[in-house]
């Protein structure tokens, strides 16, 4: 909410993916959350313009995972398709990816793959 400027009323109940300690940043704990906001990319960009912590990011990058973002990954083919989309995203952005971004993607992928 702070980084994107999205009001809590527009976000479904956040789910804690994990807490990490990044030694490179002095071991400060960092929480990673997952939440759903029913907003378009343009609406997110508009919110971001007035976000409290907007300075923490140079730009927003969107990756559309489509139906696989929230649908059941209840068979090997769907899991494989989901992981291929993550691989495509990482291949495209790995040069500029931060450790927190990579951590968030890893925690989210693990969350999605373990959902029943």
PDB file of N, CA and C in Angstrom:
ATOM      1  N   UNK A   1       0.825  -1.184   0.000  1.00  0.00           N
ATOM      2  CA  UNK A   1       0.000   0.000   0.000  1.00  0.00           C
ATOM      3  C   UNK A   1       0.872   1.252   0.000  1.00  0.00           C
ATOM      4  N   UNK A   2       1.962   1.226   0.775  1.00  0.00           N
ATOM      5  CA  UNK A   2       2.833   2.408   0.821  1.00  0.00           C
ATOM      6  C   UNK A   2       3.580   2.599  -0.483  1.00  0.00           C
ATOM      7  N   UNK A   3       4.085   1.522  -1.052  1.00  0.00           N
ATOM      8  CA  UNK A   3       4.883   1.620  -2.271  1.00  0.00           C
ATOM      9  C   UNK A   3       4.042   1.944  -3.500  1.00  0.00           C
ATOM     10  N   UNK A   4       2.802   1.456  -3.529  1.00  0.00           N
ATOM     11  CA  UNK A   4       1.952   1.669  -4.696  1.00  0.00           C
ATOM     12  C   UNK A   4       0.884   2.735  -4.497  1.00  0.00           C
ATOM     13  N   UNK A   5       0.638   3.121  -3.257  1.00  0.00           N
ATOM     14  CA  UNK A   5      -0.377   4.134  -2.988  1.00  0.00           C
ATOM     15  C   UNK A   5      -1.800   3.650  -3.150  1.00  0.00           C
ATOM     16  N   UNK A   6      -1.998   2.351  -3.068  1.00  0.00           N
ATOM     17  CA  UNK A   6      -3.335   1.787  -3.210  1.00  0.00           C
ATOM     18  C   UNK A   6      -3.995   1.753  -1.832  1.00  0.00           C
ATOM     19  N   UNK A   7      -5.182   2.298  -1.735  1.00  0.00           N
ATOM     20  CA  UNK A   7      -5.911   2.335  -0.467  1.00  0.00           C
ATOM     21  C   UNK A   7      -6.250   0.915  -0.012  1.00  0.00           C
ATOM     22  N   UNK A   8      -6.173   0.693   1.291  1.00  0.00           N
ATOM     23  CA  UNK A   8      -6.458  -0.644   1.834  1.00  0.00           C
ATOM     24  C   UNK A   8      -7.865  -1.109   1.498  1.00  0.00           C
ATOM     25  N   UNK A   9      -8.778  -0.189   1.315  1.00  0.00           N
ATOM     26  CA  UNK A   9     -10.154  -0.550   0.972  1.00  0.00           C
ATOM     27  C   UNK A   9     -10.261  -1.178  -0.425  1.00  0.00           C
ATOM     28  N   UNK A  10      -9.244  -1.000  -1.246  1.00  0.00           N
ATOM     29  CA  UNK A  10      -9.258  -1.549  -2.611  1.00  0.00           C
ATOM     30  C   UNK A  10      -8.504  -2.862  -2.721  1.00  0.00           C
ATOM     31  N   UNK A  11      -7.996  -3.338  -1.567  1.00  0.00           N
ATOM     32  CA  UNK A  11      -7.190  -4.561  -1.559  1.00  0.00           C
ATOM     33  C   UNK A  11      -7.907  -5.636  -0.760  1.00  0.00           C
ATOM     34  N   UNK A  12      -7.977  -6.836  -1.338  1.00  0.00           N
ATOM     35  CA  UNK A  12      -8.519  -7.967  -0.585  1.00  0.00           C
ATOM     36  C   UNK A  12      -7.546  -8.329   0.523  1.00  0.00           C
ATOM     37  N   UNK A  13      -8.002  -9.064   1.477  1.00  0.00           N
ATOM     38  CA  UNK A  13      -7.202  -9.443   2.644  1.00  0.00           C
ATOM     39  C   UNK A  13      -5.800  -9.907   2.234  1.00  0.00           C
ATOM     40  N   UNK A  14      -4.761  -9.202   2.703  1.00  0.00           N
ATOM     41  CA  UNK A  14      -3.399  -9.618   2.376  1.00  0.00           C
ATOM     42  C   UNK A  14      -3.029 -10.935   3.061  1.00  0.00           C
ATOM     43  N   UNK A  15      -2.176 -11.686   2.413  1.00  0.00           N
ATOM     44  CA  UNK A  15      -1.696 -12.961   2.936  1.00  0.00           C
ATOM     45  C   UNK A  15      -0.185 -12.869   3.073  1.00  0.00           C
ATOM     46  N   UNK A  16       0.320 -13.234   4.234  1.00  0.00           N
ATOM     47  CA  UNK A  16       1.760 -13.194   4.474  1.00  0.00           C
ATOM     48  C   UNK A  16       2.431 -14.363   3.764  1.00  0.00           C
ATOM     49  N   UNK A  17       3.333 -14.040   2.841  1.00  0.00           N
ATOM     50  CA  UNK A  17       4.099 -15.074   2.136  1.00  0.00           C
ATOM     51  C   UNK A  17       5.324 -15.486   2.938  1.00  0.00           C
ATOM     52  N   UNK A  18       5.921 -14.524   3.628  1.00  0.00           N
ATOM     53  CA  UNK A  18       7.089 -14.846   4.424  1.00  0.00           C
ATOM     54  C   UNK A  18       7.786 -13.605   4.941  1.00  0.00           C
ATOM     55  N   UNK A  19       8.694 -13.832   5.870  1.00  0.00           N
ATOM     56  CA  UNK A  19       9.557 -12.776   6.404  1.00  0.00           C
ATOM     57  C   UNK A  19      10.985 -13.225   6.163  1.00  0.00           C
ATOM     58  N   UNK A  20      11.778 -12.327   5.623  1.00  0.00           N
ATOM     59  CA  UNK A  20      13.175 -12.657   5.336  1.00  0.00           C
ATOM     60  C   UNK A  20      14.097 -11.640   5.994  1.00  0.00           C
ATOM     61  N   UNK A  21      15.353 -12.001   6.080  1.00  0.00           N
ATOM     62  CA  UNK A  21      16.383 -11.094   6.563  1.00  0.00           C
ATOM     63  C   UNK A  21      17.439 -11.024   5.481  1.00  0.00           C
ATOM     64  N   UNK A  22      17.552  -9.881   4.857  1.00  0.00           N
ATOM     65  CA  UNK A  22      18.496  -9.690   3.766  1.00  0.00           C
ATOM     66  C   UNK A  22      19.808  -9.171   4.342  1.00  0.00           C
ATOM     67  N   UNK A  23      20.804 -10.027   4.378  1.00  0.00           N
ATOM     68  CA  UNK A  23      22.078  -9.671   4.992  1.00  0.00           C
ATOM     69  C   UNK A  23      22.778  -8.524   4.278  1.00  0.00           C
ATOM     70  N   UNK A  24      22.551  -8.390   2.992  1.00  0.00           N
ATOM     71  CA  UNK A  24      23.173  -7.309   2.229  1.00  0.00           C
ATOM     72  C   UNK A  24      22.705  -5.950   2.740  1.00  0.00           C
ATOM     73  N   UNK A  25      21.460  -5.891   3.220  1.00  0.00           N
ATOM     74  CA  UNK A  25      20.908  -4.638   3.736  1.00  0.00           C
ATOM     75  C   UNK A  25      21.000  -4.559   5.257  1.00  0.00           C
ATOM     76  N   UNK A  26      21.948  -5.252   5.830  1.00  0.00           N
ATOM     77  CA  UNK A  26      22.166  -5.178   7.268  1.00  0.00           C
ATOM     78  C   UNK A  26      21.282  -6.098   8.086  1.00  0.00           C
ATOM     79  N   UNK A  27      20.654  -7.049   7.467  1.00  0.00           N
ATOM     80  CA  UNK A  27      19.846  -8.012   8.182  1.00  0.00           C
ATOM     81  C   UNK A  27      18.507  -7.508   8.657  1.00  0.00           C
ATOM     82  N   UNK A  28      18.029  -6.419   8.072  1.00  0.00           N
ATOM     83  CA  UNK A  28      16.720  -5.888   8.442  1.00  0.00           C
ATOM     84  C   UNK A  28      15.629  -6.849   7.969  1.00  0.00           C
ATOM     85  N   UNK A  29      14.650  -7.153   8.824  1.00  0.00           N
ATOM     86  CA  UNK A  29      13.564  -8.033   8.387  1.00  0.00           C
ATOM     87  C   UNK A  29      12.685  -7.346   7.337  1.00  0.00           C
ATOM     88  N   UNK A  30      12.208  -8.136   6.426  1.00  0.00           N
ATOM     89  CA  UNK A  30      11.324  -7.629   5.383  1.00  0.00           C
ATOM     90  C   UNK A  30      10.160  -8.596   5.214  1.00  0.00           C
ATOM     91  N   UNK A  31       8.948  -8.060   5.238  1.00  0.00           N
ATOM     92  CA  UNK A  31       7.751  -8.884   5.071  1.00  0.00           C
ATOM     93  C   UNK A  31       7.334  -8.878   3.605  1.00  0.00           C
ATOM     94  N   UNK A  32       6.906 -10.040   3.153  1.00  0.00           N
ATOM     95  CA  UNK A  32       6.401 -10.181   1.790  1.00  0.00           C
ATOM     96  C   UNK A  32       4.954 -10.628   1.875  1.00  0.00           C
ATOM     97  N   UNK A  33       4.091  -9.839   1.245  1.00  0.00           N
ATOM     98  CA  UNK A  33       2.655 -10.091   1.286  1.00  0.00           C
ATOM     99  C   UNK A  33       2.111 -10.306  -0.113  1.00  0.00           C
ATOM    100  N   UNK A  34       1.004 -10.996  -0.175  1.00  0.00           N
ATOM    101  CA  UNK A  34       0.292 -11.207  -1.425  1.00  0.00           C
ATOM    102  C   UNK A  34      -1.130 -10.704  -1.209  1.00  0.00           C
ATOM    103  N   UNK A  35      -1.625  -9.910  -2.118  1.00  0.00           N
ATOM    104  CA  UNK A  35      -2.994  -9.411  -2.030  1.00  0.00           C
ATOM    105  C   UNK A  35      -3.521  -9.193  -3.448  1.00  0.00           C
ATOM    106  N   UNK A  36      -4.815  -9.145  -3.554  1.00  0.00           N
ATOM    107  CA  UNK A  36      -5.457  -8.924  -4.849  1.00  0.00           C
ATOM    108  C   UNK A  36      -6.156  -7.570  -4.823  1.00  0.00           C
ATOM    109  N   UNK A  37      -5.898  -6.768  -5.838  1.00  0.00           N
ATOM    110  CA  UNK A  37      -6.582  -5.494  -6.022  1.00  0.00           C
ATOM    111  C   UNK A  37      -7.190  -5.529  -7.425  1.00  0.00           C
ATOM    112  N   UNK A  38      -8.457  -5.306  -7.517  1.00  0.00           N
ATOM    113  CA  UNK A  38      -9.141  -5.361  -8.799  1.00  0.00           C
ATOM    114  C   UNK A  38      -8.978  -4.016  -9.508  1.00  0.00           C
ATOM    115  N   UNK A  39      -7.758  -3.759  -9.986  1.00  0.00           N
ATOM    116  CA  UNK A  39      -7.420  -2.495 -10.640  1.00  0.00           C
ATOM    117  C   UNK A  39      -6.749  -2.764 -11.977  1.00  0.00           C
ATOM    118  N   UNK A  40      -6.897  -1.842 -12.889  1.00  0.00           N
ATOM    119  CA  UNK A  40      -6.192  -1.934 -14.164  1.00  0.00           C
ATOM    120  C   UNK A  40      -4.759  -1.431 -13.977  1.00  0.00           C
ATOM    121  N   UNK A  41      -3.926  -1.691 -14.949  1.00  0.00           N
ATOM    122  CA  UNK A  41      -2.554  -1.176 -14.901  1.00  0.00           C
ATOM    123  C   UNK A  41      -2.552   0.349 -14.797  1.00  0.00           C
ATOM    124  N   UNK A  42      -3.408   1.011 -15.548  1.00  0.00           N
ATOM    125  CA  UNK A  42      -3.470   2.480 -15.502  1.00  0.00           C
ATOM    126  C   UNK A  42      -3.903   2.982 -14.134  1.00  0.00           C
ATOM    127  N   UNK A  43      -4.839   2.296 -13.499  1.00  0.00           N
ATOM    128  CA  UNK A  43      -5.259   2.698 -12.154  1.00  0.00           C
ATOM    129  C   UNK A  43      -4.117   2.539 -11.149  1.00  0.00           C
ATOM    130  N   UNK A  44      -3.356   1.472 -11.279  1.00  0.00           N
ATOM    131  CA  UNK A  44      -2.202   1.266 -10.389  1.00  0.00           C
ATOM    132  C   UNK A  44      -1.172   2.369 -10.626  1.00  0.00           C
ATOM    133  N   UNK A  45      -0.909   2.689 -11.874  1.00  0.00           N
ATOM    134  CA  UNK A  45       0.042   3.763 -12.185  1.00  0.00           C
ATOM    135  C   UNK A  45      -0.421   5.091 -11.596  1.00  0.00           C
ATOM    136  N   UNK A  46      -1.705   5.380 -11.689  1.00  0.00           N
ATOM    137  CA  UNK A  46      -2.244   6.618 -11.119  1.00  0.00           C
ATOM    138  C   UNK A  46      -2.058   6.655  -9.607  1.00  0.00           C
ATOM    139  N   UNK A  47      -2.346   5.551  -8.937  1.00  0.00           N
ATOM    140  CA  UNK A  47      -2.157   5.481  -7.482  1.00  0.00           C
ATOM    141  C   UNK A  47      -0.691   5.679  -7.117  1.00  0.00           C
ATOM    142  N   UNK A  48       0.178   5.087  -7.895  1.00  0.00           N
ATOM    143  CA  UNK A  48       1.620   5.130  -7.631  1.00  0.00           C
ATOM    144  C   UNK A  48       2.167   6.560  -7.689  1.00  0.00           C
ATOM    145  N   UNK A  49       1.575   7.404  -8.514  1.00  0.00           N
ATOM    146  CA  UNK A  49       2.042   8.785  -8.655  1.00  0.00           C
ATOM    147  C   UNK A  49       2.019   9.544  -7.330  1.00  0.00           C
ATOM    148  N   UNK A  50       1.113   9.170  -6.421  1.00  0.00           N
ATOM    149  CA  UNK A  50       1.031   9.876  -5.139  1.00  0.00           C
ATOM    150  C   UNK A  50       1.367   8.958  -3.955  1.00  0.00           C
ATOM    151  N   UNK A  51       2.020   7.854  -4.208  1.00  0.00           N
ATOM    152  CA  UNK A  51       2.345   6.897  -3.151  1.00  0.00           C
ATOM    153  C   UNK A  51       3.362   7.463  -2.164  1.00  0.00           C
ATOM    154  N   UNK A  52       3.185   7.135  -0.909  1.00  0.00           N
ATOM    155  CA  UNK A  52       4.071   7.597   0.165  1.00  0.00           C
ATOM    156  C   UNK A  52       5.526   7.179  -0.087  1.00  0.00           C
ATOM    157  N   UNK A  53       5.735   5.963  -0.527  1.00  0.00           N
ATOM    158  CA  UNK A  53       7.095   5.439  -0.735  1.00  0.00           C
ATOM    159  C   UNK A  53       7.400   5.230  -2.219  1.00  0.00           C
ATOM    160  N   UNK A  54       6.865   6.097  -3.053  1.00  0.00           N
ATOM    161  CA  UNK A  54       7.067   5.980  -4.506  1.00  0.00           C
ATOM    162  C   UNK A  54       8.547   5.965  -4.879  1.00  0.00           C
ATOM    163  N   UNK A  55       9.351   6.665  -4.092  1.00  0.00           N
ATOM    164  CA  UNK A  55      10.782   6.776  -4.376  1.00  0.00           C
ATOM    165  C   UNK A  55      11.517   5.436  -4.302  1.00  0.00           C
ATOM    166  N   UNK A  56      10.883   4.411  -3.733  1.00  0.00           N
ATOM    167  CA  UNK A  56      11.537   3.112  -3.594  1.00  0.00           C
ATOM    168  C   UNK A  56      11.621   2.346  -4.914  1.00  0.00           C
ATOM    169  N   UNK A  57      10.943   2.823  -5.932  1.00  0.00           N
ATOM    170  CA  UNK A  57      10.982   2.160  -7.240  1.00  0.00           C
ATOM    171  C   UNK A  57      11.164   3.199  -8.337  1.00  0.00           C
ATOM    172  N   UNK A  58      11.966   2.855  -9.320  1.00  0.00           N
ATOM    173  CA  UNK A  58      12.196   3.749 -10.457  1.00  0.00           C
ATOM    174  C   UNK A  58      11.043   3.685 -11.450  1.00  0.00           C
ATOM    175  N   UNK A  59      10.441   2.502 -11.542  1.00  0.00           N
ATOM    176  CA  UNK A  59       9.365   2.287 -12.511  1.00  0.00           C
ATOM    177  C   UNK A  59       8.533   1.085 -12.073  1.00  0.00           C
ATOM    178  N   UNK A  60       7.372   0.964 -12.666  1.00  0.00           N
ATOM    179  CA  UNK A  60       6.529  -0.205 -12.442  1.00  0.00           C
ATOM    180  C   UNK A  60       6.628  -1.110 -13.663  1.00  0.00           C
ATOM    181  N   UNK A  61       6.753  -2.388 -13.413  1.00  0.00           N
ATOM    182  CA  UNK A  61       6.788  -3.375 -14.486  1.00  0.00           C
ATOM    183  C   UNK A  61       5.633  -4.332 -14.249  1.00  0.00           C
ATOM    184  N   UNK A  62       4.814  -4.519 -15.258  1.00  0.00           N
ATOM    185  CA  UNK A  62       3.658  -5.395 -15.144  1.00  0.00           C
ATOM    186  C   UNK A  62       3.907  -6.675 -15.918  1.00  0.00           C
ATOM    187  N   UNK A  63       3.484  -7.755 -15.348  1.00  0.00           N
ATOM    188  CA  UNK A  63       3.572  -9.051 -16.021  1.00  0.00           C
ATOM    189  C   UNK A  63       2.217  -9.718 -15.908  1.00  0.00           C
ATOM    190  N   UNK A  64       1.568  -9.929 -17.007  1.00  0.00           N
ATOM    191  CA  UNK A  64       0.238 -10.507 -17.016  1.00  0.00           C
ATOM    192  C   UNK A  64       0.338 -12.032 -17.067  1.00  0.00           C
ATOM    193  N   UNK A  65       0.026 -12.656 -15.946  1.00  0.00           N
ATOM    194  CA  UNK A  65       0.024 -14.111 -15.889  1.00  0.00           C
ATOM    195  C   UNK A  65      -1.318 -14.692 -16.331  1.00  0.00           C
ATOM    196  N   UNK A  66      -2.289 -13.831 -16.567  1.00  0.00           N
ATOM    197  CA  UNK A  66      -3.591 -14.276 -17.041  1.00  0.00           C
ATOM    198  C   UNK A  66      -4.304 -15.169 -16.044  1.00  0.00           C
ATOM    199  N   UNK A  67      -5.089 -16.088 -16.565  1.00  0.00           N
ATOM    200  CA  UNK A  67      -5.902 -16.962 -15.714  1.00  0.00           C
ATOM    201  C   UNK A  67      -5.059 -17.766 -14.725  1.00  0.00           C
ATOM    202  N   UNK A  68      -3.836 -18.032 -15.069  1.00  0.00           N
ATOM    203  CA  UNK A  68      -2.967 -18.881 -14.246  1.00  0.00           C
ATOM    204  C   UNK A  68      -2.567 -18.188 -12.939  1.00  0.00           C
ATOM    205  N   UNK A  69      -2.781 -16.859 -12.853  1.00  0.00           N
ATOM    206  CA  UNK A  69      -2.451 -16.127 -11.632  1.00  0.00           C
ATOM    207  C   UNK A  69      -3.241 -16.612 -10.433  1.00  0.00           C
ATOM    208  N   UNK A  70      -4.500 -16.933 -10.636  1.00  0.00           N
ATOM    209  CA  UNK A  70      -5.381 -17.244  -9.513  1.00  0.00           C
ATOM    210  C   UNK A  70      -6.075 -18.592  -9.631  1.00  0.00           C
ATOM    211  N   UNK A  71      -6.089 -19.152 -10.821  1.00  0.00           N
ATOM    212  CA  UNK A  71      -6.764 -20.430 -11.003  1.00  0.00           C
ATOM    213  C   UNK A  71      -6.026 -21.566 -10.313  1.00  0.00           C
ATOM    214  N   UNK A  72      -6.722 -22.681 -10.163  1.00  0.00           N
ATOM    215  CA  UNK A  72      -6.113 -23.855  -9.538  1.00  0.00           C
ATOM    216  C   UNK A  72      -4.973 -24.389 -10.388  1.00  0.00           C
ATOM    217  N   UNK A  73      -3.890 -24.711  -9.720  1.00  0.00           N
ATOM    218  CA  UNK A  73      -2.761 -25.364 -10.382  1.00  0.00           C
ATOM    219  C   UNK A  73      -2.816 -26.836  -9.967  1.00  0.00           C
ATOM    220  N   UNK A  74      -3.904 -27.496 -10.363  1.00  0.00           N
ATOM    221  CA  UNK A  74      -4.182 -28.826  -9.847  1.00  0.00           C
ATOM    222  C   UNK A  74      -3.694 -29.973 -10.725  1.00  0.00           C
ATOM    223  N   UNK A  75      -2.873 -29.654 -11.715  1.00  0.00           N
ATOM    224  CA  UNK A  75      -2.256 -30.735 -12.486  1.00  0.00           C
ATOM    225  C   UNK A  75      -0.879 -30.280 -12.976  1.00  0.00           C
ATOM    226  N   UNK A  76      -0.124 -31.207 -13.445  1.00  0.00           N
ATOM    227  CA  UNK A  76       1.261 -30.952 -13.841  1.00  0.00           C
ATOM    228  C   UNK A  76       1.340 -29.940 -14.974  1.00  0.00           C
ATOM    229  N   UNK A  77       0.424 -30.004 -15.926  1.00  0.00           N
ATOM    230  CA  UNK A  77       0.453 -29.079 -17.060  1.00  0.00           C
ATOM    231  C   UNK A  77       0.249 -27.637 -16.618  1.00  0.00           C
ATOM    232  N   UNK A  78      -0.698 -27.401 -15.704  1.00  0.00           N
ATOM    233  CA  UNK A  78      -0.944 -26.044 -15.221  1.00  0.00           C
ATOM    234  C   UNK A  78       0.246 -25.530 -14.415  1.00  0.00           C
ATOM    235  N   UNK A  79       0.826 -26.372 -13.598  1.00  0.00           N
ATOM    236  CA  UNK A  79       2.011 -25.979 -12.827  1.00  0.00           C
ATOM    237  C   UNK A  79       3.157 -25.640 -13.764  1.00  0.00           C
ATOM    238  N   UNK A  80       3.332 -26.445 -14.795  1.00  0.00           N
ATOM    239  CA  UNK A  80       4.394 -26.201 -15.773  1.00  0.00           C
ATOM    240  C   UNK A  80       4.164 -24.874 -16.499  1.00  0.00           C
ATOM    241  N   UNK A  81       2.922 -24.611 -16.899  1.00  0.00           N
ATOM    242  CA  UNK A  81       2.589 -23.357 -17.574  1.00  0.00           C
ATOM    243  C   UNK A  81       2.877 -22.162 -16.672  1.00  0.00           C
ATOM    244  N   UNK A  82       2.515 -22.268 -15.401  1.00  0.00           N
ATOM    245  CA  UNK A  82       2.775 -21.208 -14.426  1.00  0.00           C
ATOM    246  C   UNK A  82       4.284 -20.948 -14.302  1.00  0.00           C
ATOM    247  N   UNK A  83       5.060 -21.997 -14.158  1.00  0.00           N
ATOM    248  CA  UNK A  83       6.513 -21.843 -14.014  1.00  0.00           C
ATOM    249  C   UNK A  83       7.165 -21.300 -15.282  1.00  0.00           C
ATOM    250  N   UNK A  84       6.622 -21.648 -16.434  1.00  0.00           N
ATOM    251  CA  UNK A  84       7.145 -21.088 -17.690  1.00  0.00           C
ATOM    252  C   UNK A  84       6.934 -19.574 -17.744  1.00  0.00           C
ATOM    253  N   UNK A  85       5.799 -19.104 -17.261  1.00  0.00           N
ATOM    254  CA  UNK A  85       5.550 -17.654 -17.241  1.00  0.00           C
ATOM    255  C   UNK A  85       6.507 -16.946 -16.291  1.00  0.00           C
ATOM    256  N   UNK A  86       6.788 -17.566 -15.174  1.00  0.00           N
ATOM    257  CA  UNK A  86       7.770 -16.989 -14.249  1.00  0.00           C
ATOM    258  C   UNK A  86       9.142 -16.978 -14.905  1.00  0.00           C
ATOM    259  N   UNK A  87       9.518 -18.063 -15.546  1.00  0.00           N
ATOM    260  CA  UNK A  87      10.802 -18.114 -16.251  1.00  0.00           C
ATOM    261  C   UNK A  87      10.899 -17.026 -17.313  1.00  0.00           C
ATOM    262  N   UNK A  88       9.819 -16.822 -18.075  1.00  0.00           N
ATOM    263  CA  UNK A  88       9.814 -15.781 -19.105  1.00  0.00           C
ATOM    264  C   UNK A  88      10.023 -14.400 -18.493  1.00  0.00           C
ATOM    265  N   UNK A  89       9.323 -14.135 -17.379  1.00  0.00           N
ATOM    266  CA  UNK A  89       9.470 -12.856 -16.693  1.00  0.00           C
ATOM    267  C   UNK A  89      10.906 -12.668 -16.213  1.00  0.00           C
ATOM    268  N   UNK A  90      11.463 -13.685 -15.576  1.00  0.00           N
ATOM    269  CA  UNK A  90      12.831 -13.576 -15.060  1.00  0.00           C
ATOM    270  C   UNK A  90      13.851 -13.406 -16.184  1.00  0.00           C
ATOM    271  N   UNK A  91      13.661 -14.133 -17.254  1.00  0.00           N
ATOM    272  CA  UNK A  91      14.578 -14.021 -18.390  1.00  0.00           C
ATOM    273  C   UNK A  91      14.596 -12.592 -18.939  1.00  0.00           C
ATOM    274  N   UNK A  92      13.443 -11.978 -18.969  1.00  0.00           N
ATOM    275  CA  UNK A  92      13.320 -10.626 -19.511  1.00  0.00           C
ATOM    276  C   UNK A  92      13.876  -9.564 -18.554  1.00  0.00           C
ATOM    277  N   UNK A  93      13.766  -9.791 -17.225  1.00  0.00           N
ATOM    278  CA  UNK A  93      14.085  -8.747 -16.254  1.00  0.00           C
ATOM    279  C   UNK A  93      15.225  -9.075 -15.286  1.00  0.00           C
ATOM    280  N   UNK A  94      15.884 -10.187 -15.450  1.00  0.00           N
ATOM    281  CA  UNK A  94      16.873 -10.624 -14.462  1.00  0.00           C
ATOM    282  C   UNK A  94      18.029  -9.630 -14.296  1.00  0.00           C
ATOM    283  N   UNK A  95      18.405  -8.941 -15.344  1.00  0.00           N
ATOM    284  CA  UNK A  95      19.518  -7.998 -15.257  1.00  0.00           C
ATOM    285  C   UNK A  95      19.238  -6.841 -14.309  1.00  0.00           C
ATOM    286  N   UNK A  96      17.983  -6.461 -14.170  1.00  0.00           N
ATOM    287  CA  UNK A  96      17.599  -5.332 -13.318  1.00  0.00           C
ATOM    288  C   UNK A  96      16.835  -5.756 -12.063  1.00  0.00           C
ATOM    289  N   UNK A  97      16.750  -7.051 -11.821  1.00  0.00           N
ATOM    290  CA  UNK A  97      15.967  -7.549 -10.693  1.00  0.00           C
ATOM    291  C   UNK A  97      16.714  -7.353  -9.378  1.00  0.00           C
ATOM    292  N   UNK A  98      15.991  -6.876  -8.393  1.00  0.00           N
ATOM    293  CA  UNK A  98      16.559  -6.717  -7.057  1.00  0.00           C
ATOM    294  C   UNK A  98      16.394  -8.011  -6.268  1.00  0.00           C
ATOM    295  N   UNK A  99      17.138  -8.124  -5.197  1.00  0.00           N
ATOM    296  CA  UNK A  99      16.985  -9.293  -4.334  1.00  0.00           C
ATOM    297  C   UNK A  99      15.569  -9.364  -3.765  1.00  0.00           C
ATOM    298  N   UNK A 100      14.978  -8.241  -3.304  1.00  0.00           N
ATOM    299  CA  UNK A 100      13.591  -8.341  -2.834  1.00  0.00           C
ATOM    300  C   UNK A 100      12.609  -8.805  -3.911  1.00  0.00           C
ATOM    301  N   UNK A 101      12.810  -8.376  -5.152  1.00  0.00           N
ATOM    302  CA  UNK A 101      11.924  -8.837  -6.223  1.00  0.00           C
ATOM    303  C   UNK A 101      12.066 -10.344  -6.420  1.00  0.00           C
ATOM    304  N   UNK A 102      13.295 -10.822  -6.479  1.00  0.00           N
ATOM    305  CA  UNK A 102      13.516 -12.257  -6.662  1.00  0.00           C
ATOM    306  C   UNK A 102      12.950 -13.058  -5.491  1.00  0.00           C
ATOM    307  N   UNK A 103      13.088 -12.511  -4.295  1.00  0.00           N
ATOM    308  CA  UNK A 103      12.527 -13.168  -3.111  1.00  0.00           C
ATOM    309  C   UNK A 103      11.010 -13.223  -3.209  1.00  0.00           C
ATOM    310  N   UNK A 104      10.400 -12.103  -3.588  1.00  0.00           N
ATOM    311  CA  UNK A 104       8.937 -12.047  -3.702  1.00  0.00           C
ATOM    312  C   UNK A 104       8.426 -13.052  -4.734  1.00  0.00           C
ATOM    313  N   UNK A 105       9.090 -13.136  -5.862  1.00  0.00           N
ATOM    314  CA  UNK A 105       8.679 -14.083  -6.903  1.00  0.00           C
ATOM    315  C   UNK A 105       8.812 -15.509  -6.403  1.00  0.00           C
ATOM    316  N   UNK A 106       9.907 -15.805  -5.727  1.00  0.00           N
ATOM    317  CA  UNK A 106      10.117 -17.163  -5.200  1.00  0.00           C
ATOM    318  C   UNK A 106       9.057 -17.536  -4.176  1.00  0.00           C
ATOM    319  N   UNK A 107       8.770 -16.618  -3.253  1.00  0.00           N
ATOM    320  CA  UNK A 107       7.772 -16.897  -2.228  1.00  0.00           C
ATOM    321  C   UNK A 107       6.375 -17.045  -2.837  1.00  0.00           C
ATOM    322  N   UNK A 108       6.052 -16.190  -3.816  1.00  0.00           N
ATOM    323  CA  UNK A 108       4.745 -16.270  -4.461  1.00  0.00           C
ATOM    324  C   UNK A 108       4.605 -17.580  -5.237  1.00  0.00           C
ATOM    325  N   UNK A 109       5.650 -17.959  -5.978  1.00  0.00           N
ATOM    326  CA  UNK A 109       5.607 -19.215  -6.745  1.00  0.00           C
ATOM    327  C   UNK A 109       5.425 -20.394  -5.797  1.00  0.00           C
ATOM    328  N   UNK A 110       6.148 -20.391  -4.707  1.00  0.00           N
ATOM    329  CA  UNK A 110       6.007 -21.474  -3.738  1.00  0.00           C
ATOM    330  C   UNK A 110       4.587 -21.517  -3.171  1.00  0.00           C
ATOM    331  N   UNK A 111       4.048 -20.363  -2.841  1.00  0.00           N
ATOM    332  CA  UNK A 111       2.665 -20.265  -2.341  1.00  0.00           C
ATOM    333  C   UNK A 111       1.682 -20.843  -3.336  1.00  0.00           C
ATOM    334  N   UNK A 112       1.822 -20.435  -4.603  1.00  0.00           N
ATOM    335  CA  UNK A 112       0.887 -20.895  -5.644  1.00  0.00           C
ATOM    336  C   UNK A 112       1.000 -22.385  -5.873  1.00  0.00           C
ATOM    337  N   UNK A 113       2.214 -22.904  -5.879  1.00  0.00           N
ATOM    338  CA  UNK A 113       2.403 -24.323  -6.169  1.00  0.00           C
ATOM    339  C   UNK A 113       1.943 -25.221  -5.022  1.00  0.00           C
ATOM    340  N   UNK A 114       1.929 -24.678  -3.807  1.00  0.00           N
ATOM    341  CA  UNK A 114       1.502 -25.474  -2.658  1.00  0.00           C
ATOM    342  C   UNK A 114       0.011 -25.381  -2.378  1.00  0.00           C
ATOM    343  N   UNK A 115      -0.701 -24.459  -3.048  1.00  0.00           N
ATOM    344  CA  UNK A 115      -2.142 -24.325  -2.821  1.00  0.00           C
ATOM    345  C   UNK A 115      -2.864 -25.577  -3.263  1.00  0.00           C
ATOM    346  N   UNK A 116      -3.828 -25.954  -2.491  1.00  0.00           N
ATOM    347  CA  UNK A 116      -4.635 -27.150  -2.835  1.00  0.00           C
ATOM    348  C   UNK A 116      -5.914 -26.741  -3.509  1.00  0.00           C
TER     349      UNK A 116
END
